[in-house]
Amino acid sequence: MADRADELDAIHEVDVTDPAAVRAIDGIDQMDIVVQSAGIVGPNVPLLETPLDGWERTLTVNVTGIFNVMQATLGGMVERGWGRVVNIASIAGKEGNPNLSAYSASKGAVIAVTKSVAKELATTGVMVNSIAPAVIATPMNLATAPEVLDYMLSKIPMGRLGLPEEVAALVGWLCSEDCSFSTGACYDISGGRATY
């Protein structure tokens, strides 16, 4: 990856829920590496109190956004015979978190679509993987209710938040040429919470 750093063009911010906005990114079909980190937590209430608009918004951002970006980028990767996609899921997608049913469902869907697309493209040179972080010290999690954050931390055997640079190291490998025989996997980065 380090030898390709000078080839990086840009980091793009876009409304991933808008397929036209995604396709309007200059050079979208020329991207070789895509890391999809757009996401929202959504409603932090029991399922019976979850408003439909909150449920739908969470799934639209977290799942449809991934779909829109992959549709816009994968064709070019397949044509060139090389590409890397890393979709950021969550431990919630593997285990579910109480009072976060929309978020948990959306991240489970991210894991599932990653596995499906990876199998579709397994012979093309395009690797599609996901990662399932536990609580990472990011702005998104700083907005999480303190009691929810405490609950999630209590489930992590290492007893601490993950660090962005720890996630970046894993993502860096997944985007590298060294990652040549792994596709469709969901890599755990949860401080020991999930070991599968």
N, C-alpha and C. Protein backbone atom coordinates (compact mmCIF):
# COMPACT_ATOMS: atom_id res chain seq x y z
N MET A 1 0.83 -1.19 0.00
CA MET A 1 0.00 0.00 0.00
C MET A 1 0.87 1.24 0.00
N ALA A 2 1.95 1.24 0.75
CA ALA A 2 2.80 2.43 0.83
C ALA A 2 3.34 2.81 -0.54
N ASP A 3 3.65 1.82 -1.38
CA ASP A 3 4.18 2.14 -2.70
C ASP A 3 3.11 2.72 -3.62
N ARG A 4 1.85 2.65 -3.22
CA ARG A 4 0.77 3.20 -4.03
C ARG A 4 0.25 4.52 -3.47
N ALA A 5 0.79 4.97 -2.33
CA ALA A 5 0.27 6.17 -1.67
C ALA A 5 0.31 7.39 -2.56
N ASP A 6 1.33 7.49 -3.41
CA ASP A 6 1.43 8.66 -4.28
C ASP A 6 0.38 8.64 -5.39
N GLU A 7 -0.31 7.51 -5.56
CA GLU A 7 -1.34 7.41 -6.58
C GLU A 7 -2.72 7.82 -6.07
N LEU A 8 -2.84 8.03 -4.76
CA LEU A 8 -4.15 8.37 -4.20
C LEU A 8 -4.58 9.74 -4.71
N ASP A 9 -5.76 9.80 -5.24
CA ASP A 9 -6.28 11.05 -5.78
C ASP A 9 -6.99 11.89 -4.73
N ALA A 10 -7.90 11.27 -3.99
CA ALA A 10 -8.70 12.07 -3.08
C ALA A 10 -9.52 11.18 -2.17
N ILE A 11 -9.99 11.81 -1.14
CA ILE A 11 -11.02 11.22 -0.30
C ILE A 11 -12.30 11.96 -0.68
N HIS A 12 -13.34 11.22 -0.97
CA HIS A 12 -14.57 11.84 -1.44
C HIS A 12 -15.65 11.80 -0.37
N GLU A 13 -16.26 12.93 -0.13
CA GLU A 13 -17.44 13.01 0.72
C GLU A 13 -18.64 13.19 -0.19
N VAL A 14 -19.63 12.34 -0.03
CA VAL A 14 -20.82 12.39 -0.89
C VAL A 14 -22.00 11.81 -0.12
N ASP A 15 -23.19 12.23 -0.49
CA ASP A 15 -24.40 11.64 0.07
C ASP A 15 -24.58 10.28 -0.61
N VAL A 16 -24.18 9.22 0.09
CA VAL A 16 -24.21 7.89 -0.50
C VAL A 16 -25.62 7.38 -0.75
N THR A 17 -26.62 8.05 -0.20
CA THR A 17 -28.00 7.63 -0.44
C THR A 17 -28.53 8.13 -1.78
N ASP A 18 -27.76 8.98 -2.43
CA ASP A 18 -28.16 9.57 -3.71
C ASP A 18 -27.31 8.96 -4.82
N PRO A 19 -27.85 7.98 -5.57
CA PRO A 19 -27.05 7.31 -6.59
C PRO A 19 -26.51 8.27 -7.64
N ALA A 20 -27.26 9.30 -7.98
CA ALA A 20 -26.79 10.28 -8.97
C ALA A 20 -25.58 11.05 -8.44
N ALA A 21 -25.60 11.40 -7.17
CA ALA A 21 -24.46 12.12 -6.57
C ALA A 21 -23.23 11.22 -6.53
N VAL A 22 -23.43 9.95 -6.24
CA VAL A 22 -22.30 9.00 -6.22
C VAL A 22 -21.71 8.89 -7.62
N ARG A 23 -22.55 8.68 -8.62
CA ARG A 23 -22.06 8.53 -10.00
C ARG A 23 -21.44 9.81 -10.56
N ALA A 24 -21.79 10.95 -9.96
CA ALA A 24 -21.26 12.24 -10.43
C ALA A 24 -19.84 12.51 -9.94
N ILE A 25 -19.32 11.69 -9.04
CA ILE A 25 -17.94 11.89 -8.57
C ILE A 25 -17.00 11.69 -9.75
N ASP A 26 -16.15 12.68 -9.98
CA ASP A 26 -15.19 12.61 -11.07
C ASP A 26 -14.28 11.39 -10.88
N GLY A 27 -14.23 10.52 -11.87
CA GLY A 27 -13.37 9.35 -11.83
C GLY A 27 -13.90 8.19 -11.01
N ILE A 28 -15.18 8.20 -10.68
CA ILE A 28 -15.74 7.13 -9.85
C ILE A 28 -15.48 5.75 -10.45
N ASP A 29 -15.53 5.65 -11.77
CA ASP A 29 -15.32 4.36 -12.42
C ASP A 29 -13.84 3.99 -12.55
N GLN A 30 -12.95 4.87 -12.10
CA GLN A 30 -11.51 4.60 -12.15
C GLN A 30 -10.94 4.23 -10.79
N MET A 31 -11.77 4.18 -9.77
CA MET A 31 -11.28 3.89 -8.42
C MET A 31 -10.87 2.43 -8.31
N ASP A 32 -9.72 2.21 -7.72
CA ASP A 32 -9.23 0.86 -7.47
C ASP A 32 -9.46 0.41 -6.04
N ILE A 33 -9.57 1.37 -5.13
CA ILE A 33 -9.74 1.07 -3.71
C ILE A 33 -10.90 1.91 -3.18
N VAL A 34 -11.84 1.24 -2.53
CA VAL A 34 -12.98 1.92 -1.94
C VAL A 34 -13.15 1.42 -0.51
N VAL A 35 -13.13 2.35 0.43
CA VAL A 35 -13.41 2.04 1.83
C VAL A 35 -14.70 2.77 2.18
N GLN A 36 -15.72 2.01 2.51
CA GLN A 36 -17.04 2.59 2.75
C GLN A 36 -17.28 2.72 4.25
N SER A 37 -17.20 3.95 4.72
CA SER A 37 -17.36 4.19 6.16
C SER A 37 -18.56 5.06 6.49
N ALA A 38 -19.34 5.44 5.50
CA ALA A 38 -20.53 6.25 5.79
C ALA A 38 -21.48 5.43 6.66
N GLY A 39 -21.98 6.04 7.70
CA GLY A 39 -22.91 5.32 8.56
C GLY A 39 -23.49 6.21 9.64
N ILE A 40 -24.66 5.82 10.10
CA ILE A 40 -25.30 6.50 11.22
C ILE A 40 -25.75 5.44 12.23
N VAL A 41 -25.88 5.84 13.48
CA VAL A 41 -26.33 4.92 14.53
C VAL A 41 -27.84 4.74 14.47
N GLY A 42 -28.56 5.79 14.19
CA GLY A 42 -30.01 5.70 14.13
C GLY A 42 -30.65 5.71 15.50
N PRO A 43 -31.93 5.31 15.57
CA PRO A 43 -32.67 5.37 16.83
C PRO A 43 -32.02 4.51 17.92
N ASN A 44 -31.94 5.06 19.11
CA ASN A 44 -31.35 4.37 20.26
C ASN A 44 -32.48 4.10 21.26
N VAL A 45 -33.40 3.23 20.83
CA VAL A 45 -34.58 2.90 21.63
C VAL A 45 -34.95 1.44 21.36
N PRO A 46 -35.78 0.84 22.22
CA PRO A 46 -36.24 -0.52 21.93
C PRO A 46 -36.98 -0.58 20.59
N LEU A 47 -37.01 -1.75 20.00
CA LEU A 47 -37.67 -1.93 18.71
C LEU A 47 -39.11 -1.43 18.74
N LEU A 48 -39.82 -1.70 19.81
CA LEU A 48 -41.22 -1.29 19.89
C LEU A 48 -41.40 0.22 19.88
N GLU A 49 -40.33 0.95 20.15
CA GLU A 49 -40.39 2.42 20.14
C GLU A 49 -39.66 3.02 18.95
N THR A 50 -39.13 2.18 18.09
CA THR A 50 -38.37 2.67 16.93
C THR A 50 -39.31 3.24 15.88
N PRO A 51 -39.16 4.51 15.55
CA PRO A 51 -40.02 5.09 14.51
C PRO A 51 -39.62 4.56 13.13
N LEU A 52 -40.61 4.36 12.29
CA LEU A 52 -40.36 3.82 10.95
C LEU A 52 -39.38 4.70 10.18
N ASP A 53 -39.51 6.02 10.28
CA ASP A 53 -38.60 6.88 9.52
C ASP A 53 -37.16 6.73 10.01
N GLY A 54 -36.95 6.50 11.30
CA GLY A 54 -35.60 6.27 11.82
C GLY A 54 -35.04 4.95 11.34
N TRP A 55 -35.89 3.92 11.33
CA TRP A 55 -35.50 2.60 10.82
C TRP A 55 -35.08 2.72 9.35
N GLU A 56 -35.95 3.33 8.54
CA GLU A 56 -35.68 3.45 7.11
C GLU A 56 -34.45 4.30 6.82
N ARG A 57 -34.27 5.39 7.53
CA ARG A 57 -33.10 6.25 7.31
C ARG A 57 -31.81 5.50 7.62
N THR A 58 -31.80 4.74 8.72
CA THR A 58 -30.61 3.98 9.10
C THR A 58 -30.25 2.96 8.03
N LEU A 59 -31.24 2.21 7.56
CA LEU A 59 -30.96 1.22 6.51
C LEU A 59 -30.58 1.87 5.19
N THR A 60 -31.18 3.01 4.89
CA THR A 60 -30.85 3.70 3.64
C THR A 60 -29.40 4.17 3.64
N VAL A 61 -28.97 4.82 4.71
CA VAL A 61 -27.58 5.30 4.77
C VAL A 61 -26.62 4.12 4.84
N ASN A 62 -26.87 3.18 5.74
CA ASN A 62 -25.90 2.13 6.03
C ASN A 62 -25.86 1.00 5.02
N VAL A 63 -26.97 0.73 4.34
CA VAL A 63 -27.01 -0.40 3.40
C VAL A 63 -27.14 0.08 1.95
N THR A 64 -28.14 0.90 1.68
CA THR A 64 -28.32 1.38 0.31
C THR A 64 -27.11 2.20 -0.13
N GLY A 65 -26.51 2.93 0.79
CA GLY A 65 -25.30 3.69 0.47
C GLY A 65 -24.18 2.79 -0.03
N ILE A 66 -23.98 1.67 0.65
CA ILE A 66 -22.96 0.69 0.23
C ILE A 66 -23.28 0.15 -1.17
N PHE A 67 -24.54 -0.17 -1.38
CA PHE A 67 -25.00 -0.66 -2.68
C PHE A 67 -24.70 0.37 -3.77
N ASN A 68 -25.07 1.63 -3.53
CA ASN A 68 -24.88 2.67 -4.55
C ASN A 68 -23.41 2.82 -4.93
N VAL A 69 -22.54 2.83 -3.94
CA VAL A 69 -21.11 3.02 -4.22
C VAL A 69 -20.53 1.79 -4.93
N MET A 70 -20.90 0.60 -4.49
CA MET A 70 -20.38 -0.60 -5.18
C MET A 70 -20.87 -0.65 -6.62
N GLN A 71 -22.13 -0.31 -6.85
CA GLN A 71 -22.62 -0.31 -8.24
C GLN A 71 -21.83 0.65 -9.11
N ALA A 72 -21.42 1.77 -8.55
CA ALA A 72 -20.71 2.78 -9.33
C ALA A 72 -19.24 2.46 -9.53
N THR A 73 -18.65 1.65 -8.68
CA THR A 73 -17.19 1.43 -8.74
C THR A 73 -16.76 0.05 -9.20
N LEU A 74 -17.55 -0.95 -8.95
CA LEU A 74 -17.09 -2.32 -9.20
C LEU A 74 -16.88 -2.64 -10.68
N GLY A 75 -17.69 -2.08 -11.55
CA GLY A 75 -17.54 -2.37 -12.98
C GLY A 75 -16.15 -2.04 -13.49
N GLY A 76 -15.65 -0.87 -13.13
CA GLY A 76 -14.30 -0.48 -13.55
C GLY A 76 -13.23 -1.37 -12.96
N MET A 77 -13.40 -1.76 -11.70
CA MET A 77 -12.43 -2.66 -11.07
C MET A 77 -12.38 -3.99 -11.80
N VAL A 78 -13.55 -4.52 -12.11
CA VAL A 78 -13.61 -5.80 -12.83
C VAL A 78 -12.94 -5.68 -14.19
N GLU A 79 -13.21 -4.60 -14.91
CA GLU A 79 -12.59 -4.38 -16.23
C GLU A 79 -11.07 -4.35 -16.12
N ARG A 80 -10.54 -3.73 -15.08
CA ARG A 80 -9.09 -3.62 -14.90
C ARG A 80 -8.48 -4.86 -14.26
N GLY A 81 -9.30 -5.74 -13.71
CA GLY A 81 -8.81 -6.97 -13.11
C GLY A 81 -8.18 -6.80 -11.75
N TRP A 82 -8.47 -5.69 -11.08
CA TRP A 82 -7.92 -5.47 -9.74
C TRP A 82 -8.76 -4.43 -9.02
N GLY A 83 -9.02 -4.71 -7.76
CA GLY A 83 -9.73 -3.74 -6.93
C GLY A 83 -9.88 -4.24 -5.52
N ARG A 84 -10.10 -3.30 -4.61
CA ARG A 84 -10.30 -3.64 -3.21
C ARG A 84 -11.45 -2.80 -2.67
N VAL A 85 -12.40 -3.48 -2.04
CA VAL A 85 -13.50 -2.80 -1.37
C VAL A 85 -13.52 -3.28 0.08
N VAL A 86 -13.56 -2.34 0.99
CA VAL A 86 -13.72 -2.66 2.41
C VAL A 86 -14.96 -1.93 2.90
N ASN A 87 -15.93 -2.70 3.34
CA ASN A 87 -17.17 -2.15 3.87
C ASN A 87 -17.10 -2.19 5.40
N ILE A 88 -17.33 -1.04 6.02
CA ILE A 88 -17.27 -0.98 7.47
C ILE A 88 -18.62 -1.42 8.03
N ALA A 89 -18.62 -2.58 8.66
CA ALA A 89 -19.83 -3.10 9.32
C ALA A 89 -19.72 -2.74 10.81
N SER A 90 -20.00 -3.68 11.67
CA SER A 90 -19.95 -3.44 13.11
C SER A 90 -20.13 -4.77 13.83
N ILE A 91 -19.62 -4.82 15.05
CA ILE A 91 -19.89 -5.97 15.90
C ILE A 91 -21.40 -6.14 16.09
N ALA A 92 -22.13 -5.03 16.03
CA ALA A 92 -23.60 -5.08 16.16
C ALA A 92 -24.22 -5.90 15.04
N GLY A 93 -23.59 -5.96 13.89
CA GLY A 93 -24.09 -6.76 12.78
C GLY A 93 -23.87 -8.24 12.99
N LYS A 94 -22.94 -8.61 13.86
CA LYS A 94 -22.68 -10.01 14.18
C LYS A 94 -23.47 -10.46 15.41
N GLU A 95 -23.60 -9.58 16.39
CA GLU A 95 -24.19 -9.98 17.67
C GLU A 95 -25.46 -9.24 18.03
N GLY A 96 -25.73 -8.12 17.39
CA GLY A 96 -26.88 -7.30 17.76
C GLY A 96 -26.61 -6.56 19.06
N ASN A 97 -27.11 -5.36 19.14
CA ASN A 97 -27.02 -4.58 20.37
C ASN A 97 -28.43 -4.18 20.77
N PRO A 98 -28.79 -4.33 22.06
CA PRO A 98 -30.13 -3.94 22.47
C PRO A 98 -30.35 -2.45 22.26
N ASN A 99 -31.57 -2.10 21.92
CA ASN A 99 -31.99 -0.71 21.68
C ASN A 99 -31.34 -0.10 20.44
N LEU A 100 -30.70 -0.92 19.65
CA LEU A 100 -30.11 -0.46 18.39
C LEU A 100 -30.48 -1.44 17.27
N SER A 101 -31.76 -1.78 17.19
CA SER A 101 -32.17 -2.80 16.22
C SER A 101 -31.97 -2.35 14.78
N ALA A 102 -32.23 -1.09 14.47
CA ALA A 102 -32.03 -0.62 13.09
C ALA A 102 -30.55 -0.67 12.73
N TYR A 103 -29.71 -0.18 13.62
CA TYR A 103 -28.27 -0.19 13.37
C TYR A 103 -27.76 -1.62 13.24
N SER A 104 -28.15 -2.49 14.17
CA SER A 104 -27.70 -3.88 14.13
C SER A 104 -28.14 -4.56 12.84
N ALA A 105 -29.40 -4.35 12.45
CA ALA A 105 -29.90 -4.95 11.21
C ALA A 105 -29.14 -4.43 10.00
N SER A 106 -28.87 -3.13 9.99
CA SER A 106 -28.17 -2.55 8.84
C SER A 106 -26.75 -3.09 8.71
N LYS A 107 -26.07 -3.25 9.83
CA LYS A 107 -24.69 -3.73 9.76
C LYS A 107 -24.63 -5.23 9.47
N GLY A 108 -25.65 -5.98 9.89
CA GLY A 108 -25.75 -7.38 9.47
C GLY A 108 -25.94 -7.48 7.96
N ALA A 109 -26.71 -6.56 7.41
CA ALA A 109 -26.91 -6.52 5.96
C ALA A 109 -25.62 -6.16 5.23
N VAL A 110 -24.82 -5.27 5.80
CA VAL A 110 -23.53 -4.92 5.19
C VAL A 110 -22.64 -6.17 5.10
N ILE A 111 -22.61 -6.95 6.16
CA ILE A 111 -21.81 -8.19 6.16
C ILE A 111 -22.34 -9.14 5.09
N ALA A 112 -23.65 -9.30 5.01
CA ALA A 112 -24.24 -10.23 4.05
C ALA A 112 -24.00 -9.81 2.60
N VAL A 113 -24.20 -8.53 2.29
CA VAL A 113 -23.99 -8.09 0.90
C VAL A 113 -22.51 -8.18 0.53
N THR A 114 -21.63 -7.95 1.49
CA THR A 114 -20.19 -8.10 1.23
C THR A 114 -19.87 -9.53 0.83
N LYS A 115 -20.40 -10.49 1.56
CA LYS A 115 -20.15 -11.91 1.26
C LYS A 115 -20.71 -12.28 -0.12
N SER A 116 -21.91 -11.80 -0.41
CA SER A 116 -22.55 -12.11 -1.68
C SER A 116 -21.76 -11.55 -2.86
N VAL A 117 -21.42 -10.26 -2.80
CA VAL A 117 -20.68 -9.62 -3.90
C VAL A 117 -19.30 -10.24 -4.05
N ALA A 118 -18.65 -10.56 -2.94
CA ALA A 118 -17.32 -11.17 -3.01
C ALA A 118 -17.36 -12.49 -3.77
N LYS A 119 -18.39 -13.28 -3.55
CA LYS A 119 -18.51 -14.55 -4.27
C LYS A 119 -18.79 -14.32 -5.75
N GLU A 120 -19.58 -13.28 -6.06
CA GLU A 120 -19.85 -12.96 -7.46
C GLU A 120 -18.57 -12.59 -8.20
N LEU A 121 -17.64 -11.93 -7.50
CA LEU A 121 -16.44 -11.38 -8.15
C LEU A 121 -15.17 -12.16 -7.82
N ALA A 122 -15.29 -13.33 -7.23
CA ALA A 122 -14.14 -14.06 -6.70
C ALA A 122 -13.04 -14.34 -7.72
N THR A 123 -13.36 -14.44 -8.98
CA THR A 123 -12.34 -14.77 -9.98
C THR A 123 -11.89 -13.55 -10.79
N THR A 124 -12.24 -12.36 -10.35
CA THR A 124 -11.97 -11.15 -11.14
C THR A 124 -10.75 -10.35 -10.70
N GLY A 125 -10.16 -10.69 -9.55
CA GLY A 125 -9.07 -9.87 -9.00
C GLY A 125 -9.56 -8.77 -8.08
N VAL A 126 -10.88 -8.71 -7.88
CA VAL A 126 -11.47 -7.72 -6.99
C VAL A 126 -11.81 -8.41 -5.67
N MET A 127 -11.23 -7.92 -4.58
CA MET A 127 -11.48 -8.47 -3.25
C MET A 127 -12.45 -7.55 -2.52
N VAL A 128 -13.51 -8.14 -1.98
CA VAL A 128 -14.52 -7.38 -1.25
C VAL A 128 -14.63 -7.99 0.15
N ASN A 129 -14.26 -7.21 1.15
CA ASN A 129 -14.28 -7.67 2.53
C ASN A 129 -14.98 -6.65 3.41
N SER A 130 -15.28 -7.05 4.62
CA SER A 130 -15.84 -6.11 5.59
C SER A 130 -15.08 -6.26 6.90
N ILE A 131 -15.21 -5.25 7.73
CA ILE A 131 -14.66 -5.34 9.08
C ILE A 131 -15.80 -5.08 10.06
N ALA A 132 -15.67 -5.68 11.24
CA ALA A 132 -16.69 -5.53 12.28
C ALA A 132 -16.05 -4.98 13.54
N PRO A 133 -15.90 -3.66 13.60
CA PRO A 133 -15.33 -3.07 14.80
C PRO A 133 -16.32 -3.06 15.96
N ALA A 134 -15.78 -3.09 17.16
CA ALA A 134 -16.58 -2.79 18.34
C ALA A 134 -16.59 -1.27 18.46
N VAL A 135 -16.63 -0.75 19.65
CA VAL A 135 -16.68 0.69 19.84
C VAL A 135 -15.30 1.28 19.57
N ILE A 136 -15.23 2.18 18.62
CA ILE A 136 -13.99 2.85 18.24
C ILE A 136 -14.13 4.32 18.63
N ALA A 137 -13.05 4.92 19.04
CA ALA A 137 -13.06 6.34 19.47
C ALA A 137 -13.21 7.24 18.25
N THR A 138 -14.44 7.36 17.77
CA THR A 138 -14.75 8.21 16.61
C THR A 138 -15.84 9.21 17.00
N PRO A 139 -16.00 10.27 16.22
CA PRO A 139 -17.07 11.23 16.51
C PRO A 139 -18.46 10.59 16.55
N MET A 140 -18.71 9.59 15.70
CA MET A 140 -20.02 8.94 15.71
C MET A 140 -20.31 8.34 17.08
N ASN A 141 -19.32 7.67 17.66
CA ASN A 141 -19.54 7.02 18.95
C ASN A 141 -19.52 7.99 20.11
N LEU A 142 -18.89 9.14 19.95
CA LEU A 142 -18.91 10.13 21.01
C LEU A 142 -20.31 10.69 21.22
N ALA A 143 -21.17 10.57 20.21
CA ALA A 143 -22.55 11.04 20.32
C ALA A 143 -23.48 9.97 20.89
N THR A 144 -22.96 8.77 21.14
CA THR A 144 -23.76 7.68 21.67
C THR A 144 -24.09 7.96 23.14
N ALA A 145 -25.28 7.60 23.55
CA ALA A 145 -25.70 7.80 24.94
C ALA A 145 -24.69 7.13 25.89
N PRO A 146 -24.30 7.81 26.97
CA PRO A 146 -23.28 7.26 27.88
C PRO A 146 -23.61 5.87 28.41
N GLU A 147 -24.87 5.61 28.73
CA GLU A 147 -25.21 4.28 29.26
C GLU A 147 -25.06 3.20 28.20
N VAL A 148 -25.31 3.54 26.95
CA VAL A 148 -25.13 2.59 25.84
C VAL A 148 -23.64 2.34 25.64
N LEU A 149 -22.85 3.40 25.67
CA LEU A 149 -21.40 3.27 25.52
C LEU A 149 -20.82 2.41 26.65
N ASP A 150 -21.27 2.64 27.88
CA ASP A 150 -20.81 1.84 29.02
C ASP A 150 -21.17 0.37 28.84
N TYR A 151 -22.39 0.11 28.36
CA TYR A 151 -22.82 -1.27 28.12
C TYR A 151 -21.90 -1.94 27.09
N MET A 152 -21.65 -1.24 25.98
CA MET A 152 -20.82 -1.83 24.92
C MET A 152 -19.39 -2.05 25.40
N LEU A 153 -18.85 -1.11 26.17
CA LEU A 153 -17.50 -1.28 26.71
C LEU A 153 -17.43 -2.47 27.66
N SER A 154 -18.51 -2.72 28.40
CA SER A 154 -18.52 -3.84 29.35
C SER A 154 -18.42 -5.19 28.64
N LYS A 155 -18.74 -5.23 27.36
CA LYS A 155 -18.70 -6.47 26.58
C LYS A 155 -17.32 -6.73 25.94
N ILE A 156 -16.43 -5.75 26.01
CA ILE A 156 -15.12 -5.87 25.37
C ILE A 156 -14.09 -6.38 26.37
N PRO A 157 -13.57 -7.61 26.20
CA PRO A 157 -12.60 -8.14 27.15
C PRO A 157 -11.37 -7.26 27.37
N MET A 158 -10.94 -6.53 26.36
CA MET A 158 -9.78 -5.65 26.53
C MET A 158 -10.12 -4.41 27.35
N GLY A 159 -11.41 -4.14 27.55
CA GLY A 159 -11.86 -3.08 28.44
C GLY A 159 -11.57 -1.66 28.00
N ARG A 160 -11.49 -1.44 26.70
CA ARG A 160 -11.22 -0.08 26.22
C ARG A 160 -11.83 0.11 24.84
N LEU A 161 -11.89 1.38 24.43
CA LEU A 161 -12.29 1.71 23.07
C LEU A 161 -11.19 1.30 22.11
N GLY A 162 -11.56 0.90 20.92
CA GLY A 162 -10.57 0.71 19.87
C GLY A 162 -10.12 2.06 19.35
N LEU A 163 -8.96 2.08 18.74
CA LEU A 163 -8.40 3.32 18.21
C LEU A 163 -8.53 3.36 16.69
N PRO A 164 -8.78 4.55 16.14
CA PRO A 164 -8.88 4.65 14.68
C PRO A 164 -7.65 4.10 13.96
N GLU A 165 -6.46 4.30 14.51
CA GLU A 165 -5.26 3.80 13.83
C GLU A 165 -5.19 2.28 13.83
N GLU A 166 -5.83 1.62 14.80
CA GLU A 166 -5.88 0.16 14.79
C GLU A 166 -6.78 -0.32 13.64
N VAL A 167 -7.88 0.36 13.46
CA VAL A 167 -8.78 0.03 12.34
C VAL A 167 -8.08 0.33 11.02
N ALA A 168 -7.39 1.45 10.95
CA ALA A 168 -6.69 1.84 9.71
C ALA A 168 -5.65 0.80 9.30
N ALA A 169 -4.96 0.22 10.26
CA ALA A 169 -3.95 -0.79 9.94
C ALA A 169 -4.59 -2.01 9.28
N LEU A 170 -5.72 -2.46 9.81
CA LEU A 170 -6.42 -3.60 9.22
C LEU A 170 -6.94 -3.25 7.82
N VAL A 171 -7.55 -2.09 7.70
CA VAL A 171 -8.08 -1.65 6.40
C VAL A 171 -6.94 -1.52 5.39
N GLY A 172 -5.80 -1.00 5.83
CA GLY A 172 -4.65 -0.87 4.94
C GLY A 172 -4.23 -2.20 4.35
N TRP A 173 -4.19 -3.24 5.18
CA TRP A 173 -3.83 -4.56 4.67
C TRP A 173 -4.89 -5.06 3.69
N LEU A 174 -6.16 -4.89 4.05
CA LEU A 174 -7.23 -5.37 3.17
C LEU A 174 -7.22 -4.69 1.81
N CYS A 175 -6.68 -3.48 1.76
CA CYS A 175 -6.61 -2.73 0.50
C CYS A 175 -5.32 -2.99 -0.27
N SER A 176 -4.45 -3.78 0.28
CA SER A 176 -3.14 -3.97 -0.33
C SER A 176 -3.11 -5.17 -1.28
N GLU A 177 -2.02 -5.26 -2.02
CA GLU A 177 -1.82 -6.42 -2.89
C GLU A 177 -1.50 -7.66 -2.07
N ASP A 178 -1.08 -7.48 -0.82
CA ASP A 178 -0.82 -8.63 0.06
C ASP A 178 -2.11 -9.38 0.38
N CYS A 179 -3.22 -8.71 0.31
CA CYS A 179 -4.52 -9.35 0.53
C CYS A 179 -4.99 -9.92 -0.81
N SER A 180 -4.49 -11.10 -1.13
CA SER A 180 -4.74 -11.66 -2.46
C SER A 180 -5.52 -12.97 -2.43
N PHE A 181 -5.78 -13.50 -1.23
CA PHE A 181 -6.51 -14.76 -1.14
C PHE A 181 -7.57 -14.68 -0.05
N SER A 182 -8.11 -13.51 0.14
CA SER A 182 -9.17 -13.31 1.13
C SER A 182 -10.23 -12.39 0.54
N THR A 183 -11.41 -12.93 0.35
CA THR A 183 -12.54 -12.13 -0.12
C THR A 183 -13.81 -12.67 0.52
N GLY A 184 -14.72 -11.78 0.83
CA GLY A 184 -15.98 -12.17 1.45
C GLY A 184 -15.90 -12.34 2.95
N ALA A 185 -14.76 -12.03 3.53
CA ALA A 185 -14.59 -12.22 4.97
C ALA A 185 -15.08 -10.99 5.73
N CYS A 186 -15.43 -11.23 6.97
CA CYS A 186 -15.75 -10.14 7.90
C CYS A 186 -14.72 -10.22 9.02
N TYR A 187 -13.81 -9.28 9.03
CA TYR A 187 -12.71 -9.27 9.99
C TYR A 187 -13.13 -8.61 11.30
N ASP A 188 -12.97 -9.35 12.38
CA ASP A 188 -13.30 -8.84 13.70
C ASP A 188 -12.21 -7.90 14.19
N ILE A 189 -12.61 -6.77 14.74
CA ILE A 189 -11.68 -5.86 15.41
C ILE A 189 -12.44 -5.28 16.61
N SER A 190 -12.64 -6.18 17.60
CA SER A 190 -13.55 -5.87 18.70
C SER A 190 -12.91 -6.01 20.08
N GLY A 191 -11.61 -6.07 20.16
CA GLY A 191 -10.98 -6.20 21.47
C GLY A 191 -11.31 -7.51 22.15
N GLY A 192 -11.65 -8.53 21.36
CA GLY A 192 -11.95 -9.85 21.90
C GLY A 192 -13.43 -10.12 22.13
N ARG A 193 -14.30 -9.15 21.83
CA ARG A 193 -15.73 -9.37 22.07
C ARG A 193 -16.27 -10.52 21.22
N ALA A 194 -15.91 -10.54 19.97
CA ALA A 194 -16.33 -11.64 19.08
C ALA A 194 -15.07 -12.24 18.49
N THR A 195 -14.95 -13.52 18.58
CA THR A 195 -13.75 -14.18 18.07
C THR A 195 -14.10 -15.12 16.92
N TYR A 196 -15.09 -14.75 16.16
CA TYR A 196 -15.50 -15.54 15.00
C TYR A 196 -15.73 -14.63 13.83
